[in-house]
Amino acid sequence: MAVECTHLDQVQVLQTDKDYCEECVKTGDSWVHLRMCLICGHVGCCDSSPNRHASKHYHASSHPLVRSLEPGESWVWCYADDVVAGEIEE
């Protein structure tokens, strides 16, 4: 049975002008890819990055939904349900 995301009704922020990981900039670290929290707009680095700030933001805030900020990508990930939850229509 396929798992579906039950958190899409929490989406509040769809766009950002940030093109950097907020925490990595503060510590002088680098990142691989960026993810944006769809609840509060926090931008953090992906799980392929050394610091995994997007996942850390989820664990600290319980905000389950992020979108990719990579060019050409529009997918949404739900940490709580561990599933691709859909795509952002732009």
PDB file of N, CA and C in Angstrom:
ATOM      1  N   MET A   1       0.842  -1.189   0.000  1.00  0.00           N
ATOM      2  CA  MET A   1       0.000   0.000   0.000  1.00  0.00           C
ATOM      3  C   MET A   1       0.887   1.252   0.000  1.00  0.00           C
ATOM      4  N   ALA A   2       0.588   2.172  -0.873  1.00  0.00           N
ATOM      5  CA  ALA A   2       1.369   3.406  -1.000  1.00  0.00           C
ATOM      6  C   ALA A   2       1.064   4.368   0.140  1.00  0.00           C
ATOM      7  N   VAL A   3       2.108   5.013   0.628  1.00  0.00           N
ATOM      8  CA  VAL A   3       1.948   6.016   1.677  1.00  0.00           C
ATOM      9  C   VAL A   3       1.697   7.364   1.017  1.00  0.00           C
ATOM     10  N   GLU A   4       0.726   8.098   1.531  1.00  0.00           N
ATOM     11  CA  GLU A   4       0.446   9.438   1.025  1.00  0.00           C
ATOM     12  C   GLU A   4       0.711  10.457   2.120  1.00  0.00           C
ATOM     13  N   CYS A   5       1.088  11.648   1.710  1.00  0.00           N
ATOM     14  CA  CYS A   5       1.341  12.727   2.653  1.00  0.00           C
ATOM     15  C   CYS A   5       0.027  13.249   3.208  1.00  0.00           C
ATOM     16  N   THR A   6      -0.003  13.447   4.513  1.00  0.00           N
ATOM     17  CA  THR A   6      -1.197  13.964   5.183  1.00  0.00           C
ATOM     18  C   THR A   6      -0.978  15.392   5.693  1.00  0.00           C
ATOM     19  N   HIS A   7       0.078  16.063   5.183  1.00  0.00           N
ATOM     20  CA  HIS A   7       0.454  17.366   5.728  1.00  0.00           C
ATOM     21  C   HIS A   7       0.352  18.525   4.741  1.00  0.00           C
ATOM     22  N   LEU A   8      -0.138  18.266   3.535  1.00  0.00           N
ATOM     23  CA  LEU A   8      -0.161  19.311   2.501  1.00  0.00           C
ATOM     24  C   LEU A   8      -1.008  20.514   2.888  1.00  0.00           C
ATOM     25  N   ASP A   9      -1.945  20.338   3.810  1.00  0.00           N
ATOM     26  CA  ASP A   9      -2.767  21.468   4.254  1.00  0.00           C
ATOM     27  C   ASP A   9      -1.981  22.463   5.114  1.00  0.00           C
ATOM     28  N   GLN A  10      -0.735  22.135   5.468  1.00  0.00           N
ATOM     29  CA  GLN A  10       0.092  23.019   6.292  1.00  0.00           C
ATOM     30  C   GLN A  10       0.941  23.999   5.478  1.00  0.00           C
ATOM     31  N   VAL A  11       0.972  23.838   4.155  1.00  0.00           N
ATOM     32  CA  VAL A  11       1.810  24.682   3.301  1.00  0.00           C
ATOM     33  C   VAL A  11       1.429  26.149   3.454  1.00  0.00           C
ATOM     34  N   GLN A  12       2.444  27.002   3.724  1.00  0.00           N
ATOM     35  CA  GLN A  12       2.212  28.439   3.873  1.00  0.00           C
ATOM     36  C   GLN A  12       3.136  29.276   2.999  1.00  0.00           C
ATOM     37  N   VAL A  13       4.322  28.754   2.667  1.00  0.00           N
ATOM     38  CA  VAL A  13       5.324  29.507   1.912  1.00  0.00           C
ATOM     39  C   VAL A  13       5.723  28.673   0.700  1.00  0.00           C
ATOM     40  N   LEU A  14       5.667  29.267  -0.499  1.00  0.00           N
ATOM     41  CA  LEU A  14       6.011  28.528  -1.715  1.00  0.00           C
ATOM     42  C   LEU A  14       7.289  29.014  -2.385  1.00  0.00           C
ATOM     43  N   GLN A  15       7.702  30.249  -2.120  1.00  0.00           N
ATOM     44  CA  GLN A  15       8.843  30.855  -2.812  1.00  0.00           C
ATOM     45  C   GLN A  15       9.800  31.519  -1.827  1.00  0.00           C
ATOM     46  N   THR A  16      11.027  31.695  -2.266  1.00  0.00           N
ATOM     47  CA  THR A  16      12.025  32.446  -1.497  1.00  0.00           C
ATOM     48  C   THR A  16      13.019  33.056  -2.469  1.00  0.00           C
ATOM     49  N   ASP A  17      13.678  34.099  -2.042  1.00  0.00           N
ATOM     50  CA  ASP A  17      14.757  34.657  -2.861  1.00  0.00           C
ATOM     51  C   ASP A  17      16.124  34.217  -2.333  1.00  0.00           C
ATOM     52  N   LYS A  18      16.144  33.411  -1.283  1.00  0.00           N
ATOM     53  CA  LYS A  18      17.405  32.923  -0.713  1.00  0.00           C
ATOM     54  C   LYS A  18      17.986  31.825  -1.598  1.00  0.00           C
ATOM     55  N   ASP A  19      19.277  31.907  -1.837  1.00  0.00           N
ATOM     56  CA  ASP A  19      19.958  30.890  -2.624  1.00  0.00           C
ATOM     57  C   ASP A  19      21.173  30.362  -1.850  1.00  0.00           C
ATOM     58  N   TYR A  20      20.983  30.203  -0.553  1.00  0.00           N
ATOM     59  CA  TYR A  20      22.050  29.731   0.324  1.00  0.00           C
ATOM     60  C   TYR A  20      21.445  29.057   1.550  1.00  0.00           C
ATOM     61  N   CYS A  21      22.237  28.193   2.191  1.00  0.00           N
ATOM     62  CA  CYS A  21      21.834  27.576   3.455  1.00  0.00           C
ATOM     63  C   CYS A  21      22.161  28.560   4.569  1.00  0.00           C
ATOM     64  N   GLU A  22      21.160  28.951   5.316  1.00  0.00           N
ATOM     65  CA  GLU A  22      21.326  29.970   6.351  1.00  0.00           C
ATOM     66  C   GLU A  22      22.379  29.574   7.395  1.00  0.00           C
ATOM     67  N   GLU A  23      22.325  28.338   7.877  1.00  0.00           N
ATOM     68  CA  GLU A  23      23.272  27.898   8.904  1.00  0.00           C
ATOM     69  C   GLU A  23      24.686  27.721   8.349  1.00  0.00           C
ATOM     70  N   CYS A  24      24.794  27.178   7.130  1.00  0.00           N
ATOM     71  CA  CYS A  24      26.130  26.983   6.532  1.00  0.00           C
ATOM     72  C   CYS A  24      26.836  28.313   6.310  1.00  0.00           C
ATOM     73  N   VAL A  25      26.102  29.346   5.924  1.00  0.00           N
ATOM     74  CA  VAL A  25      26.710  30.664   5.742  1.00  0.00           C
ATOM     75  C   VAL A  25      27.274  31.160   7.072  1.00  0.00           C
ATOM     76  N   LYS A  26      26.534  30.954   8.166  1.00  0.00           N
ATOM     77  CA  LYS A  26      26.978  31.410   9.486  1.00  0.00           C
ATOM     78  C   LYS A  26      28.257  30.709   9.937  1.00  0.00           C
ATOM     79  N   THR A  27      28.399  29.421   9.560  1.00  0.00           N
ATOM     80  CA  THR A  27      29.559  28.648  10.021  1.00  0.00           C
ATOM     81  C   THR A  27      30.660  28.546   8.978  1.00  0.00           C
ATOM     82  N   GLY A  28      30.424  29.098   7.785  1.00  0.00           N
ATOM     83  CA  GLY A  28      31.426  29.044   6.730  1.00  0.00           C
ATOM     84  C   GLY A  28      31.518  27.702   6.035  1.00  0.00           C
ATOM     85  N   ASP A  29      30.483  26.872   6.173  1.00  0.00           N
ATOM     86  CA  ASP A  29      30.462  25.560   5.532  1.00  0.00           C
ATOM     87  C   ASP A  29      29.840  25.646   4.140  1.00  0.00           C
ATOM     88  N   SER A  30      29.935  24.559   3.395  1.00  0.00           N
ATOM     89  CA  SER A  30      29.339  24.512   2.060  1.00  0.00           C
ATOM     90  C   SER A  30      28.194  23.506   2.047  1.00  0.00           C
ATOM     91  N   TRP A  31      27.429  23.509   0.963  1.00  0.00           N
ATOM     92  CA  TRP A  31      26.281  22.625   0.835  1.00  0.00           C
ATOM     93  C   TRP A  31      26.263  22.048  -0.572  1.00  0.00           C
ATOM     94  N   VAL A  32      25.454  20.992  -0.747  1.00  0.00           N
ATOM     95  CA  VAL A  32      25.309  20.342  -2.049  1.00  0.00           C
ATOM     96  C   VAL A  32      24.063  20.870  -2.752  1.00  0.00           C
ATOM     97  N   HIS A  33      22.890  20.729  -2.103  1.00  0.00           N
ATOM     98  CA  HIS A  33      21.615  21.191  -2.650  1.00  0.00           C
ATOM     99  C   HIS A  33      20.840  21.905  -1.553  1.00  0.00           C
ATOM    100  N   LEU A  34      19.874  22.711  -1.960  1.00  0.00           N
ATOM    101  CA  LEU A  34      19.076  23.478  -1.003  1.00  0.00           C
ATOM    102  C   LEU A  34      17.636  22.994  -0.954  1.00  0.00           C
ATOM    103  N   ARG A  35      17.064  23.056   0.238  1.00  0.00           N
ATOM    104  CA  ARG A  35      15.661  22.708   0.474  1.00  0.00           C
ATOM    105  C   ARG A  35      15.015  23.853   1.246  1.00  0.00           C
ATOM    106  N   MET A  36      13.760  24.155   0.915  1.00  0.00           N
ATOM    107  CA  MET A  36      13.039  25.218   1.609  1.00  0.00           C
ATOM    108  C   MET A  36      11.844  24.638   2.359  1.00  0.00           C
ATOM    109  N   CYS A  37      11.707  24.989   3.615  1.00  0.00           N
ATOM    110  CA  CYS A  37      10.566  24.585   4.424  1.00  0.00           C
ATOM    111  C   CYS A  37       9.315  25.282   3.890  1.00  0.00           C
ATOM    112  N   LEU A  38       8.289  24.508   3.592  1.00  0.00           N
ATOM    113  CA  LEU A  38       7.048  25.076   3.064  1.00  0.00           C
ATOM    114  C   LEU A  38       6.129  25.601   4.160  1.00  0.00           C
ATOM    115  N   ILE A  39       6.539  25.459   5.400  1.00  0.00           N
ATOM    116  CA  ILE A  39       5.748  25.975   6.517  1.00  0.00           C
ATOM    117  C   ILE A  39       6.227  27.378   6.894  1.00  0.00           C
ATOM    118  N   CYS A  40       7.553  27.560   7.036  1.00  0.00           N
ATOM    119  CA  CYS A  40       8.067  28.852   7.507  1.00  0.00           C
ATOM    120  C   CYS A  40       9.039  29.532   6.541  1.00  0.00           C
ATOM    121  N   GLY A  41       9.472  28.839   5.483  1.00  0.00           N
ATOM    122  CA  GLY A  41      10.382  29.439   4.518  1.00  0.00           C
ATOM    123  C   GLY A  41      11.865  29.272   4.829  1.00  0.00           C
ATOM    124  N   HIS A  42      12.212  28.571   5.895  1.00  0.00           N
ATOM    125  CA  HIS A  42      13.614  28.327   6.237  1.00  0.00           C
ATOM    126  C   HIS A  42      14.301  27.608   5.075  1.00  0.00           C
ATOM    127  N   VAL A  43      15.504  28.040   4.717  1.00  0.00           N
ATOM    128  CA  VAL A  43      16.282  27.389   3.665  1.00  0.00           C
ATOM    129  C   VAL A  43      17.469  26.681   4.316  1.00  0.00           C
ATOM    130  N   GLY A  44      17.577  25.385   4.046  1.00  0.00           N
ATOM    131  CA  GLY A  44      18.659  24.595   4.605  1.00  0.00           C
ATOM    132  C   GLY A  44      19.238  23.653   3.561  1.00  0.00           C
ATOM    133  N   CYS A  45      20.362  23.048   3.892  1.00  0.00           N
ATOM    134  CA  CYS A  45      21.034  22.134   2.971  1.00  0.00           C
ATOM    135  C   CYS A  45      20.443  20.724   3.071  1.00  0.00           C
ATOM    136  N   CYS A  46      20.607  19.977   1.983  1.00  0.00           N
ATOM    137  CA  CYS A  46      20.022  18.647   1.851  1.00  0.00           C
ATOM    138  C   CYS A  46      20.791  17.593   2.655  1.00  0.00           C
ATOM    139  N   ASP A  47      20.274  16.375   2.658  1.00  0.00           N
ATOM    140  CA  ASP A  47      20.916  15.284   3.394  1.00  0.00           C
ATOM    141  C   ASP A  47      22.201  14.791   2.744  1.00  0.00           C
ATOM    142  N   SER A  48      22.485  15.201   1.503  1.00  0.00           N
ATOM    143  CA  SER A  48      23.770  14.881   0.876  1.00  0.00           C
ATOM    144  C   SER A  48      24.851  15.871   1.311  1.00  0.00           C
ATOM    145  N   SER A  49      24.450  16.955   1.948  1.00  0.00           N
ATOM    146  CA  SER A  49      25.379  17.960   2.458  1.00  0.00           C
ATOM    147  C   SER A  49      25.895  17.517   3.825  1.00  0.00           C
ATOM    148  N   PRO A  50      27.109  17.940   4.197  1.00  0.00           N
ATOM    149  CA  PRO A  50      27.684  17.496   5.475  1.00  0.00           C
ATOM    150  C   PRO A  50      26.821  17.814   6.705  1.00  0.00           C
ATOM    151  N   ASN A  51      26.150  18.957   6.709  1.00  0.00           N
ATOM    152  CA  ASN A  51      25.433  19.380   7.917  1.00  0.00           C
ATOM    153  C   ASN A  51      23.947  19.031   7.955  1.00  0.00           C
ATOM    154  N   ARG A  52      23.356  18.712   6.841  1.00  0.00           N
ATOM    155  CA  ARG A  52      21.948  18.283   6.771  1.00  0.00           C
ATOM    156  C   ARG A  52      20.998  19.237   7.503  1.00  0.00           C
ATOM    157  N   HIS A  53      21.141  20.527   7.240  1.00  0.00           N
ATOM    158  CA  HIS A  53      20.361  21.520   7.978  1.00  0.00           C
ATOM    159  C   HIS A  53      18.859  21.465   7.703  1.00  0.00           C
ATOM    160  N   ALA A  54      18.439  21.052   6.520  1.00  0.00           N
ATOM    161  CA  ALA A  54      16.997  20.949   6.263  1.00  0.00           C
ATOM    162  C   ALA A  54      16.378  19.882   7.162  1.00  0.00           C
ATOM    163  N   SER A  55      17.028  18.730   7.274  1.00  0.00           N
ATOM    164  CA  SER A  55      16.526  17.671   8.172  1.00  0.00           C
ATOM    165  C   SER A  55      16.575  18.113   9.627  1.00  0.00           C
ATOM    166  N   LYS A  56      17.648  18.795  10.006  1.00  0.00           N
ATOM    167  CA  LYS A  56      17.753  19.285  11.385  1.00  0.00           C
ATOM    168  C   LYS A  56      16.634  20.271  11.690  1.00  0.00           C
ATOM    169  N   HIS A  57      16.276  21.105  10.702  1.00  0.00           N
ATOM    170  CA  HIS A  57      15.162  22.046  10.892  1.00  0.00           C
ATOM    171  C   HIS A  57      13.857  21.277  11.131  1.00  0.00           C
ATOM    172  N   TYR A  58      13.635  20.221  10.369  1.00  0.00           N
ATOM    173  CA  TYR A  58      12.437  19.399  10.583  1.00  0.00           C
ATOM    174  C   TYR A  58      12.412  18.827  11.998  1.00  0.00           C
ATOM    175  N   HIS A  59      13.519  18.260  12.447  1.00  0.00           N
ATOM    176  CA  HIS A  59      13.545  17.643  13.781  1.00  0.00           C
ATOM    177  C   HIS A  59      13.383  18.678  14.889  1.00  0.00           C
ATOM    178  N   ALA A  60      13.861  19.893  14.678  1.00  0.00           N
ATOM    179  CA  ALA A  60      13.736  20.947  15.692  1.00  0.00           C
ATOM    180  C   ALA A  60      12.363  21.607  15.684  1.00  0.00           C
ATOM    181  N   SER A  61      11.740  21.699  14.510  1.00  0.00           N
ATOM    182  CA  SER A  61      10.501  22.473  14.379  1.00  0.00           C
ATOM    183  C   SER A  61       9.249  21.627  14.156  1.00  0.00           C
ATOM    184  N   SER A  62       9.432  20.377  13.733  1.00  0.00           N
ATOM    185  CA  SER A  62       8.339  19.493  13.317  1.00  0.00           C
ATOM    186  C   SER A  62       7.627  19.988  12.057  1.00  0.00           C
ATOM    187  N   HIS A  63       8.252  20.877  11.290  1.00  0.00           N
ATOM    188  CA  HIS A  63       7.695  21.319  10.007  1.00  0.00           C
ATOM    189  C   HIS A  63       8.003  20.220   8.985  1.00  0.00           C
ATOM    190  N   PRO A  64       7.005  19.477   8.506  1.00  0.00           N
ATOM    191  CA  PRO A  64       7.277  18.262   7.734  1.00  0.00           C
ATOM    192  C   PRO A  64       7.604  18.440   6.259  1.00  0.00           C
ATOM    193  N   LEU A  65       7.266  19.569   5.653  1.00  0.00           N
ATOM    194  CA  LEU A  65       7.357  19.688   4.195  1.00  0.00           C
ATOM    195  C   LEU A  65       8.472  20.604   3.719  1.00  0.00           C
ATOM    196  N   VAL A  66       9.261  20.112   2.752  1.00  0.00           N
ATOM    197  CA  VAL A  66      10.272  20.928   2.092  1.00  0.00           C
ATOM    198  C   VAL A  66      10.124  20.766   0.587  1.00  0.00           C
ATOM    199  N   ARG A  67      10.611  21.764  -0.133  1.00  0.00           N
ATOM    200  CA  ARG A  67      10.682  21.659  -1.577  1.00  0.00           C
ATOM    201  C   ARG A  67      12.129  21.812  -1.986  1.00  0.00           C
ATOM    202  N   SER A  68      12.455  21.268  -3.142  1.00  0.00           N
ATOM    203  CA  SER A  68      13.781  21.464  -3.702  1.00  0.00           C
ATOM    204  C   SER A  68      13.881  22.885  -4.234  1.00  0.00           C
ATOM    205  N   LEU A  69      15.035  23.507  -4.028  1.00  0.00           N
ATOM    206  CA  LEU A  69      15.292  24.817  -4.623  1.00  0.00           C
ATOM    207  C   LEU A  69      16.251  24.705  -5.804  1.00  0.00           C
ATOM    208  N   GLU A  70      16.488  23.492  -6.268  1.00  0.00           N
ATOM    209  CA  GLU A  70      17.377  23.290  -7.404  1.00  0.00           C
ATOM    210  C   GLU A  70      16.669  23.662  -8.702  1.00  0.00           C
ATOM    211  N   PRO A  71      17.378  24.295  -9.631  1.00  0.00           N
ATOM    212  CA  PRO A  71      16.780  24.674 -10.914  1.00  0.00           C
ATOM    213  C   PRO A  71      16.168  23.472 -11.627  1.00  0.00           C
ATOM    214  N   GLY A  72      14.943  23.638 -12.090  1.00  0.00           N
ATOM    215  CA  GLY A  72      14.267  22.577 -12.818  1.00  0.00           C
ATOM    216  C   GLY A  72      13.593  21.534 -11.950  1.00  0.00           C
ATOM    217  N   GLU A  73      13.733  21.639 -10.630  1.00  0.00           N
ATOM    218  CA  GLU A  73      13.088  20.678  -9.730  1.00  0.00           C
ATOM    219  C   GLU A  73      11.929  21.344  -8.998  1.00  0.00           C
ATOM    220  N   SER A  74      10.820  20.638  -8.896  1.00  0.00           N
ATOM    221  CA  SER A  74       9.640  21.211  -8.233  1.00  0.00           C
ATOM    222  C   SER A  74       9.030  20.242  -7.218  1.00  0.00           C
ATOM    223  N   TRP A  75       9.747  19.179  -6.887  1.00  0.00           N
ATOM    224  CA  TRP A  75       9.190  18.184  -5.976  1.00  0.00           C
ATOM    225  C   TRP A  75       9.132  18.677  -4.526  1.00  0.00           C
ATOM    226  N   VAL A  76       8.202  18.068  -3.792  1.00  0.00           N
ATOM    227  CA  VAL A  76       7.990  18.341  -2.366  1.00  0.00           C
ATOM    228  C   VAL A  76       8.227  17.040  -1.612  1.00  0.00           C
ATOM    229  N   TRP A  77       8.995  17.121  -0.517  1.00  0.00           N
ATOM    230  CA  TRP A  77       9.265  15.956   0.330  1.00  0.00           C
ATOM    231  C   TRP A  77       8.594  16.143   1.673  1.00  0.00           C
ATOM    232  N   CYS A  78       7.975  15.089   2.173  1.00  0.00           N
ATOM    233  CA  CYS A  78       7.389  15.093   3.516  1.00  0.00           C
ATOM    234  C   CYS A  78       8.254  14.225   4.416  1.00  0.00           C
ATOM    235  N   TYR A  79       8.932  14.858   5.373  1.00  0.00           N
ATOM    236  CA  TYR A  79       9.766  14.119   6.319  1.00  0.00           C
ATOM    237  C   TYR A  79       8.912  13.212   7.202  1.00  0.00           C
ATOM    238  N   ALA A  80       7.763  13.687   7.638  1.00  0.00           N
ATOM    239  CA  ALA A  80       6.931  12.925   8.569  1.00  0.00           C
ATOM    240  C   ALA A  80       6.416  11.627   7.948  1.00  0.00           C
ATOM    241  N   ASP A  81       6.007  11.702   6.680  1.00  0.00           N
ATOM    242  CA  ASP A  81       5.469  10.519   6.011  1.00  0.00           C
ATOM    243  C   ASP A  81       6.517   9.794   5.165  1.00  0.00           C
ATOM    244  N   ASP A  82       7.742  10.379   5.056  1.00  0.00           N
ATOM    245  CA  ASP A  82       8.848   9.780   4.323  1.00  0.00           C
ATOM    246  C   ASP A  82       8.454   9.455   2.878  1.00  0.00           C
ATOM    247  N   VAL A  83       7.922  10.492   2.200  1.00  0.00           N
ATOM    248  CA  VAL A  83       7.394  10.297   0.853  1.00  0.00           C
ATOM    249  C   VAL A  83       7.472  11.582   0.043  1.00  0.00           C
ATOM    250  N   VAL A  84       7.633  11.431  -1.277  1.00  0.00           N
ATOM    251  CA  VAL A  84       7.483  12.594  -2.160  1.00  0.00           C
ATOM    252  C   VAL A  84       6.002  12.957  -2.144  1.00  0.00           C
ATOM    253  N   ALA A  85       5.709  14.186  -1.710  1.00  0.00           N
ATOM    254  CA  ALA A  85       4.325  14.586  -1.450  1.00  0.00           C
ATOM    255  C   ALA A  85       3.657  15.241  -2.648  1.00  0.00           C
ATOM    256  N   GLY A  86       4.413  15.552  -3.683  1.00  0.00           N
ATOM    257  CA  GLY A  86       3.836  16.203  -4.855  1.00  0.00           C
ATOM    258  C   GLY A  86       4.844  17.138  -5.475  1.00  0.00           C
ATOM    259  N   GLU A  87       4.336  18.098  -6.248  1.00  0.00           N
ATOM    260  CA  GLU A  87       5.175  19.093  -6.899  1.00  0.00           C
ATOM    261  C   GLU A  87       4.571  20.468  -6.737  1.00  0.00           C
ATOM    262  N   ILE A  88       5.438  21.474  -6.799  1.00  0.00           N
ATOM    263  CA  ILE A  88       5.016  22.867  -6.748  1.00  0.00           C
ATOM    264  C   ILE A  88       4.698  23.306  -8.172  1.00  0.00           C
ATOM    265  N   GLU A  89       3.523  23.817  -8.376  1.00  0.00           N
ATOM    266  CA  GLU A  89       3.131  24.350  -9.689  1.00  0.00           C
ATOM    267  C   GLU A  89       3.628  25.786  -9.764  1.00  0.00           C
ATOM    268  N   GLU A  90       4.432  26.078 -10.775  1.00  0.00           N
ATOM    269  CA  GLU A  90       4.955  27.440 -10.894  1.00  0.00           C
ATOM    270  C   GLU A  90       4.455  28.105 -12.140  1.00  0.00           C
TER     271      GLU A  90
END
